[in-house]
Amino acid sequence: MNTDTVRYAETGERPANQCPGGPEGPRTAVAFRPLAPGLRWLLFTASVLVALAGIQLLVFTAHTGQYFAFTITNPLAAVFLGAGYWAAVPIEALAARQRRWANARISVPAVLVFTVLTLAVTLTHLGQLHLGGRYKAGTQAVTVAWLAIYVLVPALMATLLVRQSRTPGTDPPRTAGLPRWLCAALGAQAAVLLGAGIALFAAPAQAAPLWPWHLTPMLAEATGAWLIALGIASAHVIAERDPRRLRPAAAGSIVLPVLLAAALARYPHQFHWHSAAAIVYLAVLATMLLTGTAILGRGLRR
């Protein structure tokens, strides 16, 4: 047998304090499904693209009119998006390094949903993009690249995901579950993120005033796309339930709140500190840091 084929026998018993569904019961010799080369290549490429987008928004925050696809006048709104892109770097890069599909899968659904939603935001607000003769050639090139990326990446990812599903093999067994308190925290996190994200994306004019900093309708929808993707990722973590499969997501869950905390230190006057939304926002950041650290710690011990 090679390292991707194994014979294993489990007791099938699950400790009382674990989430339902893991570890699993007896199995026989199987071949584990590998991560397909095409999807691996796309994840590596996407990690480079999001790193570049993060530079545009986190380093050149005050110059989005020149270096980004559309102008963002509120710097806190810009660095929020940039932090999301940089947090996606470890998620996609670490997933691309995995040999087995089960250990990379956590990165794909949230990324696919995010790219589709961001494409929808882009097409809805096409008039706000830096296209046309009044913009410099370099700025127009950045904008055209943005459009090309958000048209091609979701199409490629959906196609490669179908091919991945046809790759022979099965998943390794879950040999370690998540404790109930962690599943409960992830469930609450997913509910808040999805609720806020759907509100901002579907009803930006009504939901944006409730956000803890100023958002235009386009930025409200773009922020909503990020929140929906993060909520899907949190729910997916509960579905996978094995820390070994969750290391890419856990790394991103640590990086994101750290970057967003730095953003608040950088632009404190843009944040509505005394609002109810600010309290919820800070609580979600703390929860993400807690859940990410707990999962990564368990995953690294395996």
C-alpha atoms as a PDB file:
ATOM      1  CA  MET A   1       0.000   0.000   0.000  1.00  0.00           C
ATOM      2  CA  ASN A   2       1.130   3.546  -0.667  1.00  0.00           C
ATOM      3  CA  THR A   3       0.623   6.422   1.747  1.00  0.00           C
ATOM      4  CA  ASP A   4      -2.750   7.276   0.211  1.00  0.00           C
ATOM      5  CA  THR A   5      -4.132   3.772   0.741  1.00  0.00           C
ATOM      6  CA  VAL A   6      -4.694   2.485   4.223  1.00  0.00           C
ATOM      7  CA  ARG A   7      -6.499  -0.239   6.146  1.00  0.00           C
ATOM      8  CA  TYR A   8      -8.033   1.021   9.333  1.00  0.00           C
ATOM      9  CA  ALA A   9     -10.419  -0.126  11.998  1.00  0.00           C
ATOM     10  CA  GLU A  10     -12.034   2.288  14.396  1.00  0.00           C
ATOM     11  CA  THR A  11     -14.195   1.604  17.432  1.00  0.00           C
ATOM     12  CA  GLY A  12     -16.885   3.944  16.098  1.00  0.00           C
ATOM     13  CA  GLU A  13     -17.328   5.499  19.516  1.00  0.00           C
ATOM     14  CA  ARG A  14     -17.518   9.266  19.833  1.00  0.00           C
ATOM     15  CA  PRO A  15     -16.772  11.068  23.096  1.00  0.00           C
ATOM     16  CA  ALA A  16     -19.844  12.714  24.578  1.00  0.00           C
ATOM     17  CA  ASN A  17     -18.395  16.223  24.312  1.00  0.00           C
ATOM     18  CA  GLN A  18     -17.744  16.059  20.551  1.00  0.00           C
ATOM     19  CA  CYS A  19     -19.882  17.355  17.706  1.00  0.00           C
ATOM     20  CA  PRO A  20     -22.055  14.739  16.013  1.00  0.00           C
ATOM     21  CA  GLY A  21     -20.402  12.999  13.101  1.00  0.00           C
ATOM     22  CA  GLY A  22     -16.825  12.270  14.128  1.00  0.00           C
ATOM     23  CA  PRO A  23     -14.742  10.189  14.527  1.00  0.00           C
ATOM     24  CA  GLU A  24     -16.075   7.520  12.187  1.00  0.00           C
ATOM     25  CA  GLY A  25     -16.506   3.789  12.454  1.00  0.00           C
ATOM     26  CA  PRO A  26     -14.812   0.725  10.895  1.00  0.00           C
ATOM     27  CA  ARG A  27     -13.534   0.876   7.332  1.00  0.00           C
ATOM     28  CA  THR A  28     -11.596  -1.365   4.992  1.00  0.00           C
ATOM     29  CA  ALA A  29      -8.700  -0.701   2.631  1.00  0.00           C
ATOM     30  CA  VAL A  30      -9.384   2.337   0.444  1.00  0.00           C
ATOM     31  CA  ALA A  31      -7.547   4.799  -1.789  1.00  0.00           C
ATOM     32  CA  PHE A  32      -7.866   8.386  -0.656  1.00  0.00           C
ATOM     33  CA  ARG A  33      -9.070  10.915  -3.221  1.00  0.00           C
ATOM     34  CA  PRO A  34      -6.189  13.258  -4.155  1.00  0.00           C
ATOM     35  CA  LEU A  35      -6.452  16.965  -4.829  1.00  0.00           C
ATOM     36  CA  ALA A  36      -6.688  17.239  -8.618  1.00  0.00           C
ATOM     37  CA  PRO A  37      -3.780  19.082 -10.313  1.00  0.00           C
ATOM     38  CA  GLY A  38      -6.050  21.635 -12.002  1.00  0.00           C
ATOM     39  CA  LEU A  39      -7.696  22.696  -8.771  1.00  0.00           C
ATOM     40  CA  ARG A  40      -4.312  22.789  -7.021  1.00  0.00           C
ATOM     41  CA  TRP A  41      -2.998  25.134  -9.718  1.00  0.00           C
ATOM     42  CA  LEU A  42      -6.053  27.378  -9.452  1.00  0.00           C
ATOM     43  CA  LEU A  43      -5.750  27.636  -5.663  1.00  0.00           C
ATOM     44  CA  PHE A  44      -2.079  28.583  -5.920  1.00  0.00           C
ATOM     45  CA  THR A  45      -2.891  31.176  -8.585  1.00  0.00           C
ATOM     46  CA  ALA A  46      -5.766  32.562  -6.537  1.00  0.00           C
ATOM     47  CA  SER A  47      -3.484  32.929  -3.507  1.00  0.00           C
ATOM     48  CA  VAL A  48      -1.193  35.168  -5.568  1.00  0.00           C
ATOM     49  CA  LEU A  49      -4.104  37.220  -6.909  1.00  0.00           C
ATOM     50  CA  VAL A  50      -5.591  37.874  -3.473  1.00  0.00           C
ATOM     51  CA  ALA A  51      -2.150  38.816  -2.152  1.00  0.00           C
ATOM     52  CA  LEU A  52      -1.909  41.455  -4.878  1.00  0.00           C
ATOM     53  CA  ALA A  53      -5.429  42.731  -4.156  1.00  0.00           C
ATOM     54  CA  GLY A  54      -4.496  43.015  -0.490  1.00  0.00           C
ATOM     55  CA  ILE A  55      -1.485  45.141  -1.376  1.00  0.00           C
ATOM     56  CA  GLN A  56      -3.684  47.463  -3.418  1.00  0.00           C
ATOM     57  CA  LEU A  57      -6.077  47.977  -0.510  1.00  0.00           C
ATOM     58  CA  LEU A  58      -3.853  47.736   2.570  1.00  0.00           C
ATOM     59  CA  VAL A  59      -0.703  49.424   1.296  1.00  0.00           C
ATOM     60  CA  PHE A  60      -2.165  51.909  -1.177  1.00  0.00           C
ATOM     61  CA  THR A  61      -5.307  52.552   0.847  1.00  0.00           C
ATOM     62  CA  ALA A  62      -5.441  56.265   0.021  1.00  0.00           C
ATOM     63  CA  HIS A  63      -4.840  55.685  -3.684  1.00  0.00           C
ATOM     64  CA  THR A  64      -7.621  53.320  -4.762  1.00  0.00           C
ATOM     65  CA  GLY A  65      -8.573  55.866  -7.411  1.00  0.00           C
ATOM     66  CA  GLN A  66      -5.334  54.994  -9.185  1.00  0.00           C
ATOM     67  CA  TYR A  67      -4.389  51.461  -8.120  1.00  0.00           C
ATOM     68  CA  PHE A  68      -7.725  49.676  -7.696  1.00  0.00           C
ATOM     69  CA  ALA A  69     -10.710  48.851  -9.899  1.00  0.00           C
ATOM     70  CA  PHE A  70     -12.975  51.398  -8.175  1.00  0.00           C
ATOM     71  CA  THR A  71     -12.499  54.269  -5.762  1.00  0.00           C
ATOM     72  CA  ILE A  72     -13.012  53.712  -2.029  1.00  0.00           C
ATOM     73  CA  THR A  73     -13.086  56.980  -0.101  1.00  0.00           C
ATOM     74  CA  ASN A  74     -13.492  55.483   3.378  1.00  0.00           C
ATOM     75  CA  PRO A  75     -10.098  53.981   4.306  1.00  0.00           C
ATOM     76  CA  LEU A  76     -11.597  51.623   6.892  1.00  0.00           C
ATOM     77  CA  ALA A  77     -13.865  50.147   4.224  1.00  0.00           C
ATOM     78  CA  ALA A  78     -10.838  49.660   1.976  1.00  0.00           C
ATOM     79  CA  VAL A  79      -8.695  47.953   4.600  1.00  0.00           C
ATOM     80  CA  PHE A  80     -11.600  45.671   5.580  1.00  0.00           C
ATOM     81  CA  LEU A  81     -11.695  44.347   2.028  1.00  0.00           C
ATOM     82  CA  GLY A  82      -7.892  44.198   1.929  1.00  0.00           C
ATOM     83  CA  ALA A  83      -7.766  42.227   5.176  1.00  0.00           C
ATOM     84  CA  GLY A  84     -10.199  39.735   3.679  1.00  0.00           C
ATOM     85  CA  TYR A  85      -7.950  39.271   0.663  1.00  0.00           C
ATOM     86  CA  TRP A  86      -4.815  38.797   2.754  1.00  0.00           C
ATOM     87  CA  ALA A  87      -6.591  36.359   5.083  1.00  0.00           C
ATOM     88  CA  ALA A  88      -7.495  34.334   1.989  1.00  0.00           C
ATOM     89  CA  VAL A  89      -3.794  33.894   1.137  1.00  0.00           C
ATOM     90  CA  PRO A  90      -3.067  31.214   3.795  1.00  0.00           C
ATOM     91  CA  ILE A  91      -6.433  29.556   3.161  1.00  0.00           C
ATOM     92  CA  GLU A  92      -5.795  29.053  -0.540  1.00  0.00           C
ATOM     93  CA  ALA A  93      -2.036  28.531  -0.376  1.00  0.00           C
ATOM     94  CA  LEU A  94      -2.229  25.942   2.414  1.00  0.00           C
ATOM     95  CA  ALA A  95      -5.127  24.181   0.698  1.00  0.00           C
ATOM     96  CA  ALA A  96      -3.139  24.001  -2.541  1.00  0.00           C
ATOM     97  CA  ARG A  97      -0.299  22.263  -0.682  1.00  0.00           C
ATOM     98  CA  GLN A  98      -2.517  19.400   0.492  1.00  0.00           C
ATOM     99  CA  ARG A  99      -2.213  16.019  -1.183  1.00  0.00           C
ATOM    100  CA  ARG A 100      -5.713  14.873  -0.288  1.00  0.00           C
ATOM    101  CA  TRP A 101      -8.900  16.548  -1.409  1.00  0.00           C
ATOM    102  CA  ALA A 102     -10.485  16.197   2.036  1.00  0.00           C
ATOM    103  CA  ASN A 103      -7.782  18.402   3.534  1.00  0.00           C
ATOM    104  CA  ALA A 104      -8.109  21.080   0.821  1.00  0.00           C
ATOM    105  CA  ARG A 105     -11.885  21.083   0.360  1.00  0.00           C
ATOM    106  CA  ILE A 106     -12.551  23.646   3.099  1.00  0.00           C
ATOM    107  CA  SER A 107     -11.189  26.431   0.874  1.00  0.00           C
ATOM    108  CA  VAL A 108     -13.323  25.903  -2.218  1.00  0.00           C
ATOM    109  CA  PRO A 109     -17.051  26.528  -1.519  1.00  0.00           C
ATOM    110  CA  ALA A 110     -16.517  29.865   0.252  1.00  0.00           C
ATOM    111  CA  VAL A 111     -14.113  31.084  -2.444  1.00  0.00           C
ATOM    112  CA  LEU A 112     -16.513  30.070  -5.203  1.00  0.00           C
ATOM    113  CA  VAL A 113     -19.443  31.840  -3.561  1.00  0.00           C
ATOM    114  CA  PHE A 114     -17.366  34.952  -2.895  1.00  0.00           C
ATOM    115  CA  THR A 115     -16.171  35.239  -6.485  1.00  0.00           C
ATOM    116  CA  VAL A 116     -19.685  34.793  -7.867  1.00  0.00           C
ATOM    117  CA  LEU A 117     -21.134  37.403  -5.500  1.00  0.00           C
ATOM    118  CA  THR A 118     -18.295  39.840  -6.193  1.00  0.00           C
ATOM    119  CA  LEU A 119     -18.863  39.423  -9.920  1.00  0.00           C
ATOM    120  CA  ALA A 120     -22.529  40.275  -9.336  1.00  0.00           C
ATOM    121  CA  VAL A 121     -21.546  43.401  -7.371  1.00  0.00           C
ATOM    122  CA  THR A 122     -19.119  44.403 -10.122  1.00  0.00           C
ATOM    123  CA  LEU A 123     -21.682  44.041 -12.904  1.00  0.00           C
ATOM    124  CA  THR A 124     -24.372  45.806 -10.886  1.00  0.00           C
ATOM    125  CA  HIS A 125     -22.119  48.829 -10.345  1.00  0.00           C
ATOM    126  CA  LEU A 126     -20.221  48.717 -13.616  1.00  0.00           C
ATOM    127  CA  GLY A 127     -20.449  52.481 -13.964  1.00  0.00           C
ATOM    128  CA  GLN A 128     -18.285  52.961 -10.863  1.00  0.00           C
ATOM    129  CA  LEU A 129     -15.370  51.022 -12.282  1.00  0.00           C
ATOM    130  CA  HIS A 130     -12.319  52.815 -13.608  1.00  0.00           C
ATOM    131  CA  LEU A 131     -13.081  52.350 -17.278  1.00  0.00           C
ATOM    132  CA  GLY A 132     -12.968  54.979 -19.983  1.00  0.00           C
ATOM    133  CA  GLY A 133     -10.661  57.624 -21.360  1.00  0.00           C
ATOM    134  CA  ARG A 134     -10.681  59.796 -18.247  1.00  0.00           C
ATOM    135  CA  TYR A 135      -8.596  57.217 -16.392  1.00  0.00           C
ATOM    136  CA  LYS A 136      -4.908  56.498 -16.910  1.00  0.00           C
ATOM    137  CA  ALA A 137      -3.966  53.440 -18.925  1.00  0.00           C
ATOM    138  CA  GLY A 138      -2.504  51.684 -15.877  1.00  0.00           C
ATOM    139  CA  THR A 139      -5.682  52.223 -13.870  1.00  0.00           C
ATOM    140  CA  GLN A 140      -7.806  50.911 -16.727  1.00  0.00           C
ATOM    141  CA  ALA A 141      -5.541  47.859 -16.991  1.00  0.00           C
ATOM    142  CA  VAL A 142      -6.062  47.103 -13.298  1.00  0.00           C
ATOM    143  CA  THR A 143      -9.818  47.369 -13.802  1.00  0.00           C
ATOM    144  CA  VAL A 144      -9.842  45.127 -16.845  1.00  0.00           C
ATOM    145  CA  ALA A 145      -7.790  42.590 -14.897  1.00  0.00           C
ATOM    146  CA  TRP A 146     -10.347  42.762 -12.058  1.00  0.00           C
ATOM    147  CA  LEU A 147     -13.183  42.033 -14.491  1.00  0.00           C
ATOM    148  CA  ALA A 148     -11.285  39.189 -16.145  1.00  0.00           C
ATOM    149  CA  ILE A 149     -10.423  37.580 -12.811  1.00  0.00           C
ATOM    150  CA  TYR A 150     -13.995  37.645 -11.521  1.00  0.00           C
ATOM    151  CA  VAL A 151     -15.357  36.267 -14.767  1.00  0.00           C
ATOM    152  CA  LEU A 152     -12.766  33.525 -15.202  1.00  0.00           C
ATOM    153  CA  VAL A 153     -12.046  32.342 -11.652  1.00  0.00           C
ATOM    154  CA  PRO A 154     -15.598  31.249 -10.697  1.00  0.00           C
ATOM    155  CA  ALA A 155     -16.098  29.598 -14.083  1.00  0.00           C
ATOM    156  CA  LEU A 156     -12.799  27.731 -13.809  1.00  0.00           C
ATOM    157  CA  MET A 157     -13.384  26.790 -10.190  1.00  0.00           C
ATOM    158  CA  ALA A 158     -16.862  25.413 -10.894  1.00  0.00           C
ATOM    159  CA  THR A 159     -15.528  23.382 -13.828  1.00  0.00           C
ATOM    160  CA  LEU A 160     -12.575  22.029 -11.861  1.00  0.00           C
ATOM    161  CA  LEU A 161     -14.805  21.248  -8.897  1.00  0.00           C
ATOM    162  CA  VAL A 162     -16.934  19.022 -11.123  1.00  0.00           C
ATOM    163  CA  ARG A 163     -13.781  17.271 -12.331  1.00  0.00           C
ATOM    164  CA  GLN A 164     -12.578  16.934  -8.742  1.00  0.00           C
ATOM    165  CA  SER A 165     -15.830  15.218  -7.793  1.00  0.00           C
ATOM    166  CA  ARG A 166     -15.143  12.605 -10.466  1.00  0.00           C
ATOM    167  CA  THR A 167     -11.639  11.848  -9.189  1.00  0.00           C
ATOM    168  CA  PRO A 168     -11.548   8.254  -7.856  1.00  0.00           C
ATOM    169  CA  GLY A 169     -11.084   7.656  -4.148  1.00  0.00           C
ATOM    170  CA  THR A 170     -12.671   8.445  -0.836  1.00  0.00           C
ATOM    171  CA  ASP A 171     -12.058  10.627   2.197  1.00  0.00           C
ATOM    172  CA  PRO A 172      -9.866   9.504   5.106  1.00  0.00           C
ATOM    173  CA  PRO A 173     -11.818   8.838   8.295  1.00  0.00           C
ATOM    174  CA  ARG A 174     -12.346  11.569  10.833  1.00  0.00           C
ATOM    175  CA  THR A 175     -10.034  10.580  13.653  1.00  0.00           C
ATOM    176  CA  ALA A 176     -10.657  13.641  15.790  1.00  0.00           C
ATOM    177  CA  GLY A 177     -13.801  15.666  16.274  1.00  0.00           C
ATOM    178  CA  LEU A 178     -14.479  19.176  17.509  1.00  0.00           C
ATOM    179  CA  PRO A 179     -15.761  19.776  21.049  1.00  0.00           C
ATOM    180  CA  ARG A 180     -19.373  20.883  21.415  1.00  0.00           C
ATOM    181  CA  TRP A 181     -18.459  24.325  22.705  1.00  0.00           C
ATOM    182  CA  LEU A 182     -16.417  24.947  19.569  1.00  0.00           C
ATOM    183  CA  CYS A 183     -19.240  23.809  17.304  1.00  0.00           C
ATOM    184  CA  ALA A 184     -21.629  26.095  19.180  1.00  0.00           C
ATOM    185  CA  ALA A 185     -19.287  29.061  18.779  1.00  0.00           C
ATOM    186  CA  LEU A 186     -18.871  28.310  15.071  1.00  0.00           C
ATOM    187  CA  GLY A 187     -22.629  28.004  14.640  1.00  0.00           C
ATOM    188  CA  ALA A 188     -23.234  31.387  16.252  1.00  0.00           C
ATOM    189  CA  GLN A 189     -20.428  32.880  14.186  1.00  0.00           C
ATOM    190  CA  ALA A 190     -21.900  31.497  10.959  1.00  0.00           C
ATOM    191  CA  ALA A 191     -25.390  32.768  11.820  1.00  0.00           C
ATOM    192  CA  VAL A 192     -24.204  36.326  12.527  1.00  0.00           C
ATOM    193  CA  LEU A 193     -21.956  36.485   9.464  1.00  0.00           C
ATOM    194  CA  LEU A 194     -24.592  35.095   7.115  1.00  0.00           C
ATOM    195  CA  GLY A 195     -27.326  37.288   8.548  1.00  0.00           C
ATOM    196  CA  ALA A 196     -25.288  40.482   8.276  1.00  0.00           C
ATOM    197  CA  GLY A 197     -23.885  39.517   4.886  1.00  0.00           C
ATOM    198  CA  ILE A 198     -27.256  38.752   3.324  1.00  0.00           C
ATOM    199  CA  ALA A 199     -28.691  41.999   4.691  1.00  0.00           C
ATOM    200  CA  LEU A 200     -25.843  44.106   3.277  1.00  0.00           C
ATOM    201  CA  PHE A 201     -25.834  42.302  -0.057  1.00  0.00           C
ATOM    202  CA  ALA A 202     -29.584  42.160  -0.632  1.00  0.00           C
ATOM    203  CA  ALA A 203     -30.667  45.451   0.977  1.00  0.00           C
ATOM    204  CA  PRO A 204     -27.621  47.745   1.085  1.00  0.00           C
ATOM    205  CA  ALA A 205     -29.579  50.982   1.468  1.00  0.00           C
ATOM    206  CA  GLN A 206     -31.366  49.684   4.569  1.00  0.00           C
ATOM    207  CA  ALA A 207     -28.512  47.676   6.115  1.00  0.00           C
ATOM    208  CA  ALA A 208     -25.529  49.979   5.489  1.00  0.00           C
ATOM    209  CA  PRO A 209     -26.561  52.568   8.151  1.00  0.00           C
ATOM    210  CA  LEU A 210     -26.423  49.771  10.744  1.00  0.00           C
ATOM    211  CA  TRP A 211     -22.795  48.895   9.897  1.00  0.00           C
ATOM    212  CA  PRO A 212     -20.120  50.327  12.255  1.00  0.00           C
ATOM    213  CA  TRP A 213     -18.569  52.516   9.548  1.00  0.00           C
ATOM    214  CA  HIS A 214     -19.862  54.361   6.497  1.00  0.00           C
ATOM    215  CA  LEU A 215     -20.563  52.267   3.410  1.00  0.00           C
ATOM    216  CA  THR A 216     -21.750  53.247  -0.032  1.00  0.00           C
ATOM    217  CA  PRO A 217     -24.267  50.848  -1.662  1.00  0.00           C
ATOM    218  CA  MET A 218     -21.515  49.211  -3.718  1.00  0.00           C
ATOM    219  CA  LEU A 219     -19.241  48.799  -0.697  1.00  0.00           C
ATOM    220  CA  ALA A 220     -22.145  47.455   1.353  1.00  0.00           C
ATOM    221  CA  GLU A 221     -22.703  44.743  -1.240  1.00  0.00           C
ATOM    222  CA  ALA A 222     -18.971  44.016  -1.510  1.00  0.00           C
ATOM    223  CA  THR A 223     -18.730  43.759   2.281  1.00  0.00           C
ATOM    224  CA  GLY A 224     -21.801  41.532   2.281  1.00  0.00           C
ATOM    225  CA  ALA A 225     -20.121  39.209  -0.216  1.00  0.00           C
ATOM    226  CA  TRP A 226     -17.187  38.789   2.178  1.00  0.00           C
ATOM    227  CA  LEU A 227     -19.459  38.173   5.175  1.00  0.00           C
ATOM    228  CA  ILE A 228     -21.532  35.580   3.313  1.00  0.00           C
ATOM    229  CA  ALA A 229     -18.359  33.752   2.244  1.00  0.00           C
ATOM    230  CA  LEU A 230     -17.038  33.816   5.812  1.00  0.00           C
ATOM    231  CA  GLY A 231     -20.363  32.528   7.113  1.00  0.00           C
ATOM    232  CA  ILE A 232     -20.331  29.671   4.615  1.00  0.00           C
ATOM    233  CA  ALA A 233     -16.768  28.851   5.645  1.00  0.00           C
ATOM    234  CA  SER A 234     -17.796  28.755   9.327  1.00  0.00           C
ATOM    235  CA  ALA A 235     -20.697  26.410   8.559  1.00  0.00           C
ATOM    236  CA  HIS A 236     -18.413  24.264   6.402  1.00  0.00           C
ATOM    237  CA  VAL A 237     -15.985  23.922   9.318  1.00  0.00           C
ATOM    238  CA  ILE A 238     -18.794  22.386  11.388  1.00  0.00           C
ATOM    239  CA  ALA A 239     -19.636  20.014   8.524  1.00  0.00           C
ATOM    240  CA  GLU A 240     -16.028  18.822   8.163  1.00  0.00           C
ATOM    241  CA  ARG A 241     -15.480  18.497  11.932  1.00  0.00           C
ATOM    242  CA  ASP A 242     -11.901  17.207  11.670  1.00  0.00           C
ATOM    243  CA  PRO A 243      -9.064  19.582  12.650  1.00  0.00           C
ATOM    244  CA  ARG A 244      -6.748  17.943  10.124  1.00  0.00           C
ATOM    245  CA  ARG A 245      -9.061  19.071   7.332  1.00  0.00           C
ATOM    246  CA  LEU A 246      -9.455  22.565   8.723  1.00  0.00           C
ATOM    247  CA  ARG A 247      -5.909  23.886   9.028  1.00  0.00           C
ATOM    248  CA  PRO A 248      -6.149  26.238   6.004  1.00  0.00           C
ATOM    249  CA  ALA A 249      -9.391  27.769   7.273  1.00  0.00           C
ATOM    250  CA  ALA A 250      -8.054  28.014  10.822  1.00  0.00           C
ATOM    251  CA  ALA A 251      -5.010  29.952   9.626  1.00  0.00           C
ATOM    252  CA  GLY A 252      -7.245  32.398   7.787  1.00  0.00           C
ATOM    253  CA  SER A 253      -9.505  32.713  10.822  1.00  0.00           C
ATOM    254  CA  ILE A 254      -6.504  33.868  12.860  1.00  0.00           C
ATOM    255  CA  VAL A 255      -5.053  36.229  10.259  1.00  0.00           C
ATOM    256  CA  LEU A 256      -8.332  38.047   9.530  1.00  0.00           C
ATOM    257  CA  PRO A 257      -9.186  39.350  13.024  1.00  0.00           C
ATOM    258  CA  VAL A 258      -5.549  40.324  13.610  1.00  0.00           C
ATOM    259  CA  LEU A 259      -5.542  42.395  10.412  1.00  0.00           C
ATOM    260  CA  LEU A 260      -8.931  43.907  11.205  1.00  0.00           C
ATOM    261  CA  ALA A 261      -7.815  44.839  14.713  1.00  0.00           C
ATOM    262  CA  ALA A 262      -4.805  46.559  13.153  1.00  0.00           C
ATOM    263  CA  ALA A 263      -7.204  48.356  10.801  1.00  0.00           C
ATOM    264  CA  LEU A 264      -9.142  49.731  13.778  1.00  0.00           C
ATOM    265  CA  ALA A 265      -5.908  50.938  15.351  1.00  0.00           C
ATOM    266  CA  ARG A 266      -4.988  52.560  12.059  1.00  0.00           C
ATOM    267  CA  TYR A 267      -8.332  54.309  11.471  1.00  0.00           C
ATOM    268  CA  PRO A 268     -10.059  54.521  14.881  1.00  0.00           C
ATOM    269  CA  HIS A 269     -12.025  57.665  14.027  1.00  0.00           C
ATOM    270  CA  GLN A 270     -13.824  55.923  11.158  1.00  0.00           C
ATOM    271  CA  PHE A 271     -15.322  53.309  13.506  1.00  0.00           C
ATOM    272  CA  HIS A 272     -18.602  53.924  15.362  1.00  0.00           C
ATOM    273  CA  TRP A 273     -17.343  52.625  18.696  1.00  0.00           C
ATOM    274  CA  HIS A 274     -20.505  53.314  20.699  1.00  0.00           C
ATOM    275  CA  SER A 275     -22.944  51.574  18.375  1.00  0.00           C
ATOM    276  CA  ALA A 276     -24.528  48.170  18.960  1.00  0.00           C
ATOM    277  CA  ALA A 277     -23.092  47.030  15.630  1.00  0.00           C
ATOM    278  CA  ALA A 278     -19.588  47.814  16.904  1.00  0.00           C
ATOM    279  CA  ILE A 279     -20.094  45.521  19.895  1.00  0.00           C
ATOM    280  CA  VAL A 280     -21.279  42.682  17.665  1.00  0.00           C
ATOM    281  CA  TYR A 281     -18.443  43.290  15.217  1.00  0.00           C
ATOM    282  CA  LEU A 282     -15.772  43.150  17.933  1.00  0.00           C
ATOM    283  CA  ALA A 283     -17.389  40.054  19.459  1.00  0.00           C
ATOM    284  CA  VAL A 284     -17.277  38.281  16.091  1.00  0.00           C
ATOM    285  CA  LEU A 285     -13.596  39.175  15.652  1.00  0.00           C
ATOM    286  CA  ALA A 286     -12.834  37.738  19.101  1.00  0.00           C
ATOM    287  CA  THR A 287     -14.823  34.592  18.305  1.00  0.00           C
ATOM    288  CA  MET A 288     -13.033  34.099  14.997  1.00  0.00           C
ATOM    289  CA  LEU A 289      -9.661  34.415  16.693  1.00  0.00           C
ATOM    290  CA  LEU A 290     -10.721  31.955  19.399  1.00  0.00           C
ATOM    291  CA  THR A 291     -12.162  29.335  17.051  1.00  0.00           C
ATOM    292  CA  GLY A 292      -9.283  29.613  14.584  1.00  0.00           C
ATOM    293  CA  THR A 293      -6.662  29.226  17.309  1.00  0.00           C
ATOM    294  CA  ALA A 294      -8.479  26.279  18.882  1.00  0.00           C
ATOM    295  CA  ILE A 295      -8.865  24.443  15.569  1.00  0.00           C
ATOM    296  CA  LEU A 296      -5.312  25.112  14.419  1.00  0.00           C
ATOM    297  CA  GLY A 297      -3.931  23.930  17.757  1.00  0.00           C
ATOM    298  CA  ARG A 298      -5.862  20.682  17.472  1.00  0.00           C
ATOM    299  CA  GLY A 299      -4.939  20.251  13.821  1.00  0.00           C
ATOM    300  CA  LEU A 300      -1.219  20.718  14.375  1.00  0.00           C
ATOM    301  CA  ARG A 301      -1.214  18.026  17.060  1.00  0.00           C
ATOM    302  CA  ARG A 302      -2.481  15.421  14.603  1.00  0.00           C
END
